[in-house]
Protein backbone atom coordinates (compact mmCIF):
# COMPACT_ATOMS: atom_id res chain seq x y z
CA MET A 1 -209.90 -21.86 106.64
CA PRO A 2 -210.27 -19.78 103.47
CA LEU A 3 -207.54 -17.45 102.34
CA HIS A 4 -208.09 -13.76 103.04
CA LYS A 5 -205.34 -12.23 100.92
CA ALA A 6 -204.06 -14.22 97.99
CA LEU A 7 -202.32 -13.39 94.75
CA ALA A 8 -202.19 -15.86 91.86
CA ALA A 9 -200.28 -16.20 88.64
CA ALA A 10 -200.45 -18.84 85.91
CA PHE A 11 -197.23 -20.28 84.51
CA GLU A 12 -197.89 -22.64 81.61
CA ASP A 13 -200.13 -25.36 83.11
CA GLU A 14 -199.47 -24.52 86.76
CA ILE A 15 -200.89 -21.91 89.12
CA VAL A 16 -198.80 -20.24 91.80
CA ILE A 17 -200.70 -18.71 94.72
CA LEU A 18 -199.17 -16.47 97.38
CA ASP A 19 -201.03 -16.61 100.71
CA SER A 20 -199.84 -13.32 102.19
CA ASP A 21 -201.72 -13.92 105.46
CA HIS A 22 -199.54 -16.91 106.27
CA GLY A 23 -196.51 -16.12 104.13
CA SER A 24 -196.81 -19.32 102.12
CA LEU A 25 -196.53 -20.11 98.45
CA LEU A 26 -198.83 -22.75 96.96
CA LEU A 27 -198.27 -24.48 93.63
CA LEU A 28 -201.15 -26.16 91.83
CA ASP A 29 -200.05 -28.64 89.20
CA THR A 30 -202.18 -29.21 86.10
CA TRP A 31 -204.47 -31.70 87.87
CA ALA A 32 -205.05 -29.65 91.01
CA GLY A 33 -205.51 -26.48 88.96
CA GLN A 34 -208.16 -28.19 86.87
CA ILE A 35 -210.08 -29.31 89.97
CA TRP A 36 -209.66 -25.86 91.58
CA ARG A 37 -211.12 -24.14 88.51
CA PHE A 38 -214.26 -26.30 88.76
CA CYS A 39 -214.85 -25.01 92.30
CA ASP A 40 -217.27 -22.38 91.06
CA GLY A 41 -220.35 -23.70 92.80
CA SER A 42 -220.06 -27.22 91.41
CA THR A 43 -220.83 -30.27 93.49
CA THR A 44 -218.34 -33.08 94.04
CA GLU A 45 -220.31 -35.28 91.65
CA ALA A 46 -220.32 -32.60 88.92
CA ILE A 47 -216.55 -32.17 89.25
CA GLU A 48 -216.03 -35.94 89.13
CA SER A 49 -218.02 -36.17 85.90
CA SER A 50 -216.14 -33.22 84.34
CA VAL A 51 -212.56 -34.46 84.74
CA ASN A 52 -210.64 -37.50 83.64
CA GLY A 53 -209.77 -39.10 86.97
CA THR A 54 -211.11 -41.46 89.56
CA PRO A 55 -213.69 -40.22 92.07
CA GLY A 56 -211.21 -41.03 94.85
CA ARG A 57 -208.52 -38.85 93.30
CA VAL A 58 -210.98 -35.98 92.81
CA ARG A 59 -212.14 -36.18 96.44
CA GLU A 60 -208.55 -36.38 97.70
CA THR A 61 -207.62 -33.29 95.69
CA LEU A 62 -210.67 -31.39 96.95
CA GLN A 63 -209.70 -32.26 100.52
CA VAL A 64 -206.14 -30.98 99.99
CA LEU A 65 -207.45 -27.78 98.40
CA MET A 66 -209.79 -27.31 101.36
CA ASP A 67 -207.01 -28.01 103.88
CA THR A 68 -204.87 -25.27 102.28
CA GLY A 69 -207.74 -22.77 102.33
CA LEU A 70 -208.09 -22.54 98.55
CA VAL A 71 -211.68 -23.81 98.52
CA CYS A 72 -214.53 -24.39 100.91
CA GLN A 73 -217.72 -26.38 100.67
CA ILE A 74 -221.01 -24.60 101.27
CA ASN A 75 -224.29 -26.53 101.04
CA GLY A 76 -222.60 -29.26 99.01
CA GLU A 77 -221.05 -26.83 96.52
CA TRP A 78 -217.33 -26.13 96.18
CA ILE A 79 -216.34 -22.45 96.17
CA ARG A 80 -212.87 -20.98 95.50
CA SER A 81 -211.46 -18.47 97.95
CA PRO A 82 -211.12 -15.03 96.39
CA ILE A 83 -207.78 -14.31 94.78
CA GLU A 84 -206.26 -11.52 92.75
CA TRP A 85 -204.57 -12.51 89.48
CA VAL A 86 -201.25 -10.84 88.79
């Protein structure tokens, strides 16, 4: 399920996201943050070709991001949930 209210801040190479709906704090390391940033309408295949990692690792990361509500897949394209940068 996508996040409804989220605040994000970047600290060096990591991204911290506060999901105020569920009262949880999410930390994206450099790898996950890189994948998350590509979720701007890109397909899985486009993301795989844009990063330095195995297709399996990319797909696993996308699944984790989807499970946490940070991204969703619509018509084969990955879309980030809206956040507010602080």
